[in-house]
Amino acid sequence: MAPIRRLVLDVLKPHDPSVVTFTTQLGDLDGIDAATATVVEVDENVKTLRVTLEGDDLDLEAVRAEIEDLSASVHSVDQVACGSRTVDDPWFGS
């Protein structure tokens, strides 16, 4: 099976931990070379984030488990890039 190189996730998280702490925790996972979290929406109790992760062989289940350990949840997997390189999607943005 081709390795997963990029994941873009729609994540719902409480205000605590902070976005900085949340993103650095994900970035510390094995196999993740880069982690970016963009706040898309803020509600009274939660934030919606677009989380982009890149690496040589990402483990979606390990990522999902870490997100859940941080009291957040994955609403959807919005982009997956697999293979020996990534392809930028002009409709989605890279």
PDB file of N, CA and C in Angstrom:
ATOM      1  N   MET A   1       0.847  -1.178   0.000  1.00  0.00           N
ATOM      2  CA  MET A   1       0.000   0.000   0.000  1.00  0.00           C
ATOM      3  C   MET A   1       0.897   1.248   0.000  1.00  0.00           C
ATOM      4  N   ALA A   2       0.506   2.263  -0.739  1.00  0.00           N
ATOM      5  CA  ALA A   2       1.280   3.506  -0.835  1.00  0.00           C
ATOM      6  C   ALA A   2       1.273   4.233   0.503  1.00  0.00           C
ATOM      7  N   PRO A   3       2.408   4.804   0.904  1.00  0.00           N
ATOM      8  CA  PRO A   3       2.457   5.522   2.178  1.00  0.00           C
ATOM      9  C   PRO A   3       1.655   6.824   2.113  1.00  0.00           C
ATOM     10  N   ILE A   4       1.049   7.176   3.234  1.00  0.00           N
ATOM     11  CA  ILE A   4       0.325   8.446   3.331  1.00  0.00           C
ATOM     12  C   ILE A   4       1.340   9.544   3.620  1.00  0.00           C
ATOM     13  N   ARG A   5       1.385  10.558   2.760  1.00  0.00           N
ATOM     14  CA  ARG A   5       2.335  11.661   2.887  1.00  0.00           C
ATOM     15  C   ARG A   5       1.709  12.919   3.483  1.00  0.00           C
ATOM     16  N   ARG A   6       0.413  13.108   3.261  1.00  0.00           N
ATOM     17  CA  ARG A   6      -0.276  14.299   3.785  1.00  0.00           C
ATOM     18  C   ARG A   6      -1.692  13.919   4.193  1.00  0.00           C
ATOM     19  N   LEU A   7      -2.114  14.463   5.330  1.00  0.00           N
ATOM     20  CA  LEU A   7      -3.495  14.351   5.787  1.00  0.00           C
ATOM     21  C   LEU A   7      -4.006  15.752   6.087  1.00  0.00           C
ATOM     22  N   VAL A   8      -5.210  16.043   5.646  1.00  0.00           N
ATOM     23  CA  VAL A   8      -5.880  17.278   6.031  1.00  0.00           C
ATOM     24  C   VAL A   8      -7.172  16.852   6.720  1.00  0.00           C
ATOM     25  N   LEU A   9      -7.295  17.273   7.986  1.00  0.00           N
ATOM     26  CA  LEU A   9      -8.403  16.830   8.820  1.00  0.00           C
ATOM     27  C   LEU A   9      -9.224  18.013   9.304  1.00  0.00           C
ATOM     28  N   ASP A  10     -10.525  17.809   9.408  1.00  0.00           N
ATOM     29  CA  ASP A  10     -11.436  18.758  10.038  1.00  0.00           C
ATOM     30  C   ASP A  10     -11.590  18.284  11.477  1.00  0.00           C
ATOM     31  N   VAL A  11     -11.125  19.102  12.432  1.00  0.00           N
ATOM     32  CA  VAL A  11     -11.073  18.691  13.832  1.00  0.00           C
ATOM     33  C   VAL A  11     -11.866  19.671  14.691  1.00  0.00           C
ATOM     34  N   LEU A  12     -12.614  19.128  15.631  1.00  0.00           N
ATOM     35  CA  LEU A  12     -13.335  19.928  16.614  1.00  0.00           C
ATOM     36  C   LEU A  12     -12.645  19.713  17.958  1.00  0.00           C
ATOM     37  N   LYS A  13     -12.202  20.815  18.592  1.00  0.00           N
ATOM     38  CA  LYS A  13     -11.491  20.706  19.866  1.00  0.00           C
ATOM     39  C   LYS A  13     -12.008  21.728  20.863  1.00  0.00           C
ATOM     40  N   PRO A  14     -11.928  21.404  22.156  1.00  0.00           N
ATOM     41  CA  PRO A  14     -12.268  22.405  23.164  1.00  0.00           C
ATOM     42  C   PRO A  14     -11.203  23.503  23.168  1.00  0.00           C
ATOM     43  N   HIS A  15     -11.475  24.606  23.851  1.00  0.00           N
ATOM     44  CA  HIS A  15     -10.516  25.712  23.889  1.00  0.00           C
ATOM     45  C   HIS A  15      -9.210  25.316  24.580  1.00  0.00           C
ATOM     46  N   ASP A  16      -9.286  24.351  25.485  1.00  0.00           N
ATOM     47  CA  ASP A  16      -8.093  23.876  26.171  1.00  0.00           C
ATOM     48  C   ASP A  16      -7.864  22.433  25.802  1.00  0.00           C
ATOM     49  N   PRO A  17      -6.704  22.047  25.305  1.00  0.00           N
ATOM     50  CA  PRO A  17      -5.460  22.802  25.251  1.00  0.00           C
ATOM     51  C   PRO A  17      -5.478  23.854  24.148  1.00  0.00           C
ATOM     52  N   SER A  18      -4.524  24.760  24.221  1.00  0.00           N
ATOM     53  CA  SER A  18      -4.419  25.806  23.207  1.00  0.00           C
ATOM     54  C   SER A  18      -4.106  25.188  21.844  1.00  0.00           C
ATOM     55  N   VAL A  19      -4.320  25.968  20.805  1.00  0.00           N
ATOM     56  CA  VAL A  19      -4.006  25.510  19.451  1.00  0.00           C
ATOM     57  C   VAL A  19      -2.511  25.223  19.324  1.00  0.00           C
ATOM     58  N   VAL A  20      -1.685  26.027  19.986  1.00  0.00           N
ATOM     59  CA  VAL A  20      -0.239  25.817  19.939  1.00  0.00           C
ATOM     60  C   VAL A  20       0.123  24.472  20.573  1.00  0.00           C
ATOM     61  N   THR A  21      -0.379  24.214  21.755  1.00  0.00           N
ATOM     62  CA  THR A  21      -0.099  22.947  22.439  1.00  0.00           C
ATOM     63  C   THR A  21      -0.638  21.776  21.636  1.00  0.00           C
ATOM     64  N   PHE A  22      -1.848  21.897  21.140  1.00  0.00           N
ATOM     65  CA  PHE A  22      -2.483  20.850  20.340  1.00  0.00           C
ATOM     66  C   PHE A  22      -1.625  20.503  19.129  1.00  0.00           C
ATOM     67  N   THR A  23      -1.174  21.522  18.408  1.00  0.00           N
ATOM     68  CA  THR A  23      -0.413  21.303  17.175  1.00  0.00           C
ATOM     69  C   THR A  23       0.968  20.742  17.465  1.00  0.00           C
ATOM     70  N   THR A  24       1.630  21.233  18.503  1.00  0.00           N
ATOM     71  CA  THR A  24       2.958  20.706  18.828  1.00  0.00           C
ATOM     72  C   THR A  24       2.877  19.254  19.285  1.00  0.00           C
ATOM     73  N   GLN A  25       1.806  18.891  20.003  1.00  0.00           N
ATOM     74  CA  GLN A  25       1.624  17.494  20.400  1.00  0.00           C
ATOM     75  C   GLN A  25       1.501  16.592  19.161  1.00  0.00           C
ATOM     76  N   LEU A  26       0.733  17.040  18.180  1.00  0.00           N
ATOM     77  CA  LEU A  26       0.609  16.256  16.944  1.00  0.00           C
ATOM     78  C   LEU A  26       1.938  16.208  16.209  1.00  0.00           C
ATOM     79  N   GLY A  27       2.640  17.334  16.175  1.00  0.00           N
ATOM     80  CA  GLY A  27       3.927  17.392  15.488  1.00  0.00           C
ATOM     81  C   GLY A  27       4.984  16.508  16.110  1.00  0.00           C
ATOM     82  N   ASP A  28       4.816  16.155  17.380  1.00  0.00           N
ATOM     83  CA  ASP A  28       5.767  15.287  18.075  1.00  0.00           C
ATOM     84  C   ASP A  28       5.543  13.798  17.795  1.00  0.00           C
ATOM     85  N   LEU A  29       4.435  13.447  17.140  1.00  0.00           N
ATOM     86  CA  LEU A  29       4.182  12.039  16.830  1.00  0.00           C
ATOM     87  C   LEU A  29       5.227  11.499  15.855  1.00  0.00           C
ATOM     88  N   ASP A  30       5.544  10.221  15.997  1.00  0.00           N
ATOM     89  CA  ASP A  30       6.484   9.577  15.078  1.00  0.00           C
ATOM     90  C   ASP A  30       5.975   9.680  13.650  1.00  0.00           C
ATOM     91  N   GLY A  31       6.871  10.010  12.755  1.00  0.00           N
ATOM     92  CA  GLY A  31       6.548  10.053  11.335  1.00  0.00           C
ATOM     93  C   GLY A  31       6.002  11.372  10.843  1.00  0.00           C
ATOM     94  N   ILE A  32       5.728  12.309  11.738  1.00  0.00           N
ATOM     95  CA  ILE A  32       5.204  13.605  11.304  1.00  0.00           C
ATOM     96  C   ILE A  32       6.350  14.594  11.196  1.00  0.00           C
ATOM     97  N   ASP A  33       6.542  15.099   9.973  1.00  0.00           N
ATOM     98  CA  ASP A  33       7.605  16.075   9.704  1.00  0.00           C
ATOM     99  C   ASP A  33       7.106  17.504   9.843  1.00  0.00           C
ATOM    100  N   ALA A  34       5.804  17.724   9.627  1.00  0.00           N
ATOM    101  CA  ALA A  34       5.239  19.071   9.691  1.00  0.00           C
ATOM    102  C   ALA A  34       3.788  18.979  10.125  1.00  0.00           C
ATOM    103  N   ALA A  35       3.382  19.940  10.966  1.00  0.00           N
ATOM    104  CA  ALA A  35       1.999  19.997  11.442  1.00  0.00           C
ATOM    105  C   ALA A  35       1.545  21.448  11.434  1.00  0.00           C
ATOM    106  N   THR A  36       0.371  21.686  10.853  1.00  0.00           N
ATOM    107  CA  THR A  36      -0.213  23.018  10.812  1.00  0.00           C
ATOM    108  C   THR A  36      -1.673  22.908  11.230  1.00  0.00           C
ATOM    109  N   ALA A  37      -2.105  23.839  12.090  1.00  0.00           N
ATOM    110  CA  ALA A  37      -3.515  23.897  12.478  1.00  0.00           C
ATOM    111  C   ALA A  37      -4.008  25.314  12.228  1.00  0.00           C
ATOM    112  N   THR A  38      -5.079  25.423  11.480  1.00  0.00           N
ATOM    113  CA  THR A  38      -5.688  26.707  11.165  1.00  0.00           C
ATOM    114  C   THR A  38      -7.059  26.760  11.815  1.00  0.00           C
ATOM    115  N   VAL A  39      -7.306  27.816  12.587  1.00  0.00           N
ATOM    116  CA  VAL A  39      -8.619  27.984  13.210  1.00  0.00           C
ATOM    117  C   VAL A  39      -9.599  28.429  12.135  1.00  0.00           C
ATOM    118  N   VAL A  40     -10.645  27.644  11.963  1.00  0.00           N
ATOM    119  CA  VAL A  40     -11.652  27.921  10.945  1.00  0.00           C
ATOM    120  C   VAL A  40     -12.873  28.600  11.552  1.00  0.00           C
ATOM    121  N   GLU A  41     -13.197  28.185  12.769  1.00  0.00           N
ATOM    122  CA  GLU A  41     -14.391  28.727  13.434  1.00  0.00           C
ATOM    123  C   GLU A  41     -14.208  28.627  14.944  1.00  0.00           C
ATOM    124  N   VAL A  42     -14.732  29.623  15.657  1.00  0.00           N
ATOM    125  CA  VAL A  42     -14.683  29.633  17.118  1.00  0.00           C
ATOM    126  C   VAL A  42     -16.109  29.715  17.641  1.00  0.00           C
ATOM    127  N   ASP A  43     -16.431  28.805  18.539  1.00  0.00           N
ATOM    128  CA  ASP A  43     -17.729  28.782  19.193  1.00  0.00           C
ATOM    129  C   ASP A  43     -17.499  29.074  20.676  1.00  0.00           C
ATOM    130  N   GLU A  44     -18.567  29.133  21.432  1.00  0.00           N
ATOM    131  CA  GLU A  44     -18.445  29.425  22.865  1.00  0.00           C
ATOM    132  C   GLU A  44     -17.569  28.404  23.587  1.00  0.00           C
ATOM    133  N   ASN A  45     -17.682  27.119  23.216  1.00  0.00           N
ATOM    134  CA  ASN A  45     -16.974  26.051  23.927  1.00  0.00           C
ATOM    135  C   ASN A  45     -15.908  25.333  23.110  1.00  0.00           C
ATOM    136  N   VAL A  46     -15.940  25.493  21.791  1.00  0.00           N
ATOM    137  CA  VAL A  46     -15.042  24.704  20.939  1.00  0.00           C
ATOM    138  C   VAL A  46     -14.474  25.550  19.797  1.00  0.00           C
ATOM    139  N   LYS A  47     -13.437  24.995  19.175  1.00  0.00           N
ATOM    140  CA  LYS A  47     -12.868  25.568  17.960  1.00  0.00           C
ATOM    141  C   LYS A  47     -12.870  24.497  16.885  1.00  0.00           C
ATOM    142  N   THR A  48     -13.123  24.906  15.660  1.00  0.00           N
ATOM    143  CA  THR A  48     -12.979  24.019  14.517  1.00  0.00           C
ATOM    144  C   THR A  48     -11.648  24.343  13.859  1.00  0.00           C
ATOM    145  N   LEU A  49     -10.844  23.302  13.642  1.00  0.00           N
ATOM    146  CA  LEU A  49      -9.521  23.471  13.051  1.00  0.00           C
ATOM    147  C   LEU A  49      -9.403  22.697  11.750  1.00  0.00           C
ATOM    148  N   ARG A  50      -8.619  23.235  10.824  1.00  0.00           N
ATOM    149  CA  ARG A  50      -8.165  22.470   9.663  1.00  0.00           C
ATOM    150  C   ARG A  50      -6.728  22.088   9.989  1.00  0.00           C
ATOM    151  N   VAL A  51      -6.490  20.805  10.174  1.00  0.00           N
ATOM    152  CA  VAL A  51      -5.177  20.307  10.571  1.00  0.00           C
ATOM    153  C   VAL A  51      -4.530  19.637   9.371  1.00  0.00           C
ATOM    154  N   THR A  52      -3.332  20.093   9.030  1.00  0.00           N
ATOM    155  CA  THR A  52      -2.572  19.513   7.929  1.00  0.00           C
ATOM    156  C   THR A  52      -1.315  18.886   8.501  1.00  0.00           C
ATOM    157  N   LEU A  53      -1.110  17.613   8.186  1.00  0.00           N
ATOM    158  CA  LEU A  53       0.049  16.872   8.660  1.00  0.00           C
ATOM    159  C   LEU A  53       0.789  16.305   7.468  1.00  0.00           C
ATOM    160  N   GLU A  54       2.120  16.377   7.501  1.00  0.00           N
ATOM    161  CA  GLU A  54       2.926  15.796   6.433  1.00  0.00           C
ATOM    162  C   GLU A  54       4.043  14.963   7.029  1.00  0.00           C
ATOM    163  N   GLY A  55       4.409  13.912   6.313  1.00  0.00           N
ATOM    164  CA  GLY A  55       5.488  13.021   6.724  1.00  0.00           C
ATOM    165  C   GLY A  55       5.695  11.958   5.667  1.00  0.00           C
ATOM    166  N   ASP A  56       6.611  11.034   5.932  1.00  0.00           N
ATOM    167  CA  ASP A  56       6.933   9.993   4.948  1.00  0.00           C
ATOM    168  C   ASP A  56       5.938   8.838   4.949  1.00  0.00           C
ATOM    169  N   ASP A  57       5.322   8.573   6.095  1.00  0.00           N
ATOM    170  CA  ASP A  57       4.385   7.446   6.193  1.00  0.00           C
ATOM    171  C   ASP A  57       3.494   7.664   7.407  1.00  0.00           C
ATOM    172  N   LEU A  58       2.464   8.491   7.250  1.00  0.00           N
ATOM    173  CA  LEU A  58       1.583   8.858   8.361  1.00  0.00           C
ATOM    174  C   LEU A  58       0.658   7.710   8.732  1.00  0.00           C
ATOM    175  N   ASP A  59       0.393   7.586  10.019  1.00  0.00           N
ATOM    176  CA  ASP A  59      -0.506   6.563  10.547  1.00  0.00           C
ATOM    177  C   ASP A  59      -1.787   7.257  11.012  1.00  0.00           C
ATOM    178  N   LEU A  60      -2.832   7.169  10.205  1.00  0.00           N
ATOM    179  CA  LEU A  60      -4.082   7.857  10.510  1.00  0.00           C
ATOM    180  C   LEU A  60      -4.631   7.457  11.868  1.00  0.00           C
ATOM    181  N   GLU A  61      -4.562   6.184  12.203  1.00  0.00           N
ATOM    182  CA  GLU A  61      -5.126   5.733  13.481  1.00  0.00           C
ATOM    183  C   GLU A  61      -4.337   6.273  14.668  1.00  0.00           C
ATOM    184  N   ALA A  62      -3.027   6.383  14.547  1.00  0.00           N
ATOM    185  CA  ALA A  62      -2.208   6.977  15.620  1.00  0.00           C
ATOM    186  C   ALA A  62      -2.528   8.457  15.760  1.00  0.00           C
ATOM    187  N   VAL A  63      -2.719   9.129  14.637  1.00  0.00           N
ATOM    188  CA  VAL A  63      -3.084  10.553  14.658  1.00  0.00           C
ATOM    189  C   VAL A  63      -4.449  10.718  15.314  1.00  0.00           C
ATOM    190  N   ARG A  64      -5.400   9.905  14.905  1.00  0.00           N
ATOM    191  CA  ARG A  64      -6.756   9.975  15.474  1.00  0.00           C
ATOM    192  C   ARG A  64      -6.722   9.715  16.986  1.00  0.00           C
ATOM    193  N   ALA A  65      -5.934   8.747  17.426  1.00  0.00           N
ATOM    194  CA  ALA A  65      -5.824   8.430  18.853  1.00  0.00           C
ATOM    195  C   ALA A  65      -5.245   9.614  19.626  1.00  0.00           C
ATOM    196  N   GLU A  66      -4.217  10.264  19.076  1.00  0.00           N
ATOM    197  CA  GLU A  66      -3.621  11.423  19.750  1.00  0.00           C
ATOM    198  C   GLU A  66      -4.613  12.575  19.829  1.00  0.00           C
ATOM    199  N   ILE A  67      -5.355  12.792  18.751  1.00  0.00           N
ATOM    200  CA  ILE A  67      -6.376  13.852  18.750  1.00  0.00           C
ATOM    201  C   ILE A  67      -7.426  13.578  19.828  1.00  0.00           C
ATOM    202  N   GLU A  68      -7.853  12.336  19.944  1.00  0.00           N
ATOM    203  CA  GLU A  68      -8.832  11.979  20.969  1.00  0.00           C
ATOM    204  C   GLU A  68      -8.243  12.116  22.370  1.00  0.00           C
ATOM    205  N   ASP A  69      -6.954  11.794  22.539  1.00  0.00           N
ATOM    206  CA  ASP A  69      -6.286  11.974  23.838  1.00  0.00           C
ATOM    207  C   ASP A  69      -6.242  13.454  24.229  1.00  0.00           C
ATOM    208  N   LEU A  70      -6.274  14.336  23.251  1.00  0.00           N
ATOM    209  CA  LEU A  70      -6.281  15.778  23.500  1.00  0.00           C
ATOM    210  C   LEU A  70      -7.708  16.323  23.607  1.00  0.00           C
ATOM    211  N   SER A  71      -8.684  15.425  23.818  1.00  0.00           N
ATOM    212  CA  SER A  71     -10.099  15.765  24.016  1.00  0.00           C
ATOM    213  C   SER A  71     -10.751  16.377  22.781  1.00  0.00           C
ATOM    214  N   ALA A  72     -10.236  16.054  21.610  1.00  0.00           N
ATOM    215  CA  ALA A  72     -10.784  16.566  20.359  1.00  0.00           C
ATOM    216  C   ALA A  72     -11.313  15.392  19.534  1.00  0.00           C
ATOM    217  N   SER A  73     -11.929  15.709  18.392  1.00  0.00           N
ATOM    218  CA  SER A  73     -12.432  14.648  17.527  1.00  0.00           C
ATOM    219  C   SER A  73     -12.242  15.028  16.064  1.00  0.00           C
ATOM    220  N   VAL A  74     -12.017  14.004  15.252  1.00  0.00           N
ATOM    221  CA  VAL A  74     -11.895  14.189  13.808  1.00  0.00           C
ATOM    222  C   VAL A  74     -13.292  14.150  13.219  1.00  0.00           C
ATOM    223  N   HIS A  75     -13.712  15.257  12.621  1.00  0.00           N
ATOM    224  CA  HIS A  75     -15.025  15.287  11.965  1.00  0.00           C
ATOM    225  C   HIS A  75     -14.957  14.665  10.584  1.00  0.00           C
ATOM    226  N   SER A  76     -13.856  14.929   9.877  1.00  0.00           N
ATOM    227  CA  SER A  76     -13.711  14.346   8.551  1.00  0.00           C
ATOM    228  C   SER A  76     -12.256  14.361   8.120  1.00  0.00           C
ATOM    229  N   VAL A  77     -11.952  13.462   7.201  1.00  0.00           N
ATOM    230  CA  VAL A  77     -10.665  13.459   6.517  1.00  0.00           C
ATOM    231  C   VAL A  77     -10.918  14.158   5.188  1.00  0.00           C
ATOM    232  N   ASP A  78     -10.355  15.363   5.029  1.00  0.00           N
ATOM    233  CA  ASP A  78     -10.676  16.193   3.868  1.00  0.00           C
ATOM    234  C   ASP A  78      -9.695  16.039   2.714  1.00  0.00           C
ATOM    235  N   GLN A  79      -8.493  15.560   2.996  1.00  0.00           N
ATOM    236  CA  GLN A  79      -7.526  15.331   1.918  1.00  0.00           C
ATOM    237  C   GLN A  79      -6.535  14.276   2.370  1.00  0.00           C
ATOM    238  N   VAL A  80      -6.167  13.403   1.438  1.00  0.00           N
ATOM    239  CA  VAL A  80      -5.130  12.399   1.668  1.00  0.00           C
ATOM    240  C   VAL A  80      -4.226  12.417   0.441  1.00  0.00           C
ATOM    241  N   ALA A  81      -2.914  12.478   0.680  1.00  0.00           N
ATOM    242  CA  ALA A  81      -1.942  12.393  -0.411  1.00  0.00           C
ATOM    243  C   ALA A  81      -1.069  11.181  -0.149  1.00  0.00           C
ATOM    244  N   CYS A  82      -0.962  10.311  -1.135  1.00  0.00           N
ATOM    245  CA  CYS A  82      -0.196   9.073  -0.996  1.00  0.00           C
ATOM    246  C   CYS A  82       0.808   8.952  -2.139  1.00  0.00           C
ATOM    247  N   GLY A  83       1.797   8.099  -1.938  1.00  0.00           N
ATOM    248  CA  GLY A  83       2.749   7.805  -2.991  1.00  0.00           C
ATOM    249  C   GLY A  83       4.144   8.292  -2.656  1.00  0.00           C
ATOM    250  N   SER A  84       4.981   8.360  -3.670  1.00  0.00           N
ATOM    251  CA  SER A  84       6.373   8.759  -3.458  1.00  0.00           C
ATOM    252  C   SER A  84       6.526  10.272  -3.347  1.00  0.00           C
ATOM    253  N   ARG A  85       5.474  11.018  -3.717  1.00  0.00           N
ATOM    254  CA  ARG A  85       5.478  12.481  -3.584  1.00  0.00           C
ATOM    255  C   ARG A  85       4.033  12.936  -3.444  1.00  0.00           C
ATOM    256  N   THR A  86       3.857  14.214  -3.094  1.00  0.00           N
ATOM    257  CA  THR A  86       2.505  14.750  -2.987  1.00  0.00           C
ATOM    258  C   THR A  86       2.175  15.569  -4.226  1.00  0.00           C
ATOM    259  N   VAL A  87       0.900  15.668  -4.500  1.00  0.00           N
ATOM    260  CA  VAL A  87       0.400  16.468  -5.614  1.00  0.00           C
ATOM    261  C   VAL A  87      -0.474  17.553  -5.007  1.00  0.00           C
ATOM    262  N   ASP A  88      -0.192  18.821  -5.319  1.00  0.00           N
ATOM    263  CA  ASP A  88      -1.013  19.910  -4.818  1.00  0.00           C
ATOM    264  C   ASP A  88      -2.324  19.951  -5.585  1.00  0.00           C
ATOM    265  N   ASP A  89      -3.402  20.095  -4.839  1.00  0.00           N
ATOM    266  CA  ASP A  89      -4.736  20.177  -5.406  1.00  0.00           C
ATOM    267  C   ASP A  89      -5.106  21.633  -5.586  1.00  0.00           C
ATOM    268  N   PRO A  90      -5.221  22.125  -6.828  1.00  0.00           N
ATOM    269  CA  PRO A  90      -5.494  23.544  -7.046  1.00  0.00           C
ATOM    270  C   PRO A  90      -6.850  23.982  -6.499  1.00  0.00           C
ATOM    271  N   TRP A  91      -7.790  23.072  -6.348  1.00  0.00           N
ATOM    272  CA  TRP A  91      -9.103  23.422  -5.832  1.00  0.00           C
ATOM    273  C   TRP A  91      -9.096  23.537  -4.322  1.00  0.00           C
ATOM    274  N   PHE A  92      -8.246  22.746  -3.682  1.00  0.00           N
ATOM    275  CA  PHE A  92      -8.214  22.684  -2.235  1.00  0.00           C
ATOM    276  C   PHE A  92      -7.215  23.674  -1.643  1.00  0.00           C
ATOM    277  N   GLY A  93      -6.147  23.912  -2.339  1.00  0.00           N
ATOM    278  CA  GLY A  93      -5.057  24.711  -1.786  1.00  0.00           C
ATOM    279  C   GLY A  93      -4.074  23.788  -1.113  1.00  0.00           C
ATOM    280  N   SER A  94      -2.835  24.145  -1.143  1.00  0.00           N
ATOM    281  CA  SER A  94      -1.814  23.255  -0.560  1.00  0.00           C
ATOM    282  C   SER A  94      -1.291  23.787   0.736  1.00  0.00           C
TER     283      SER A  94
END
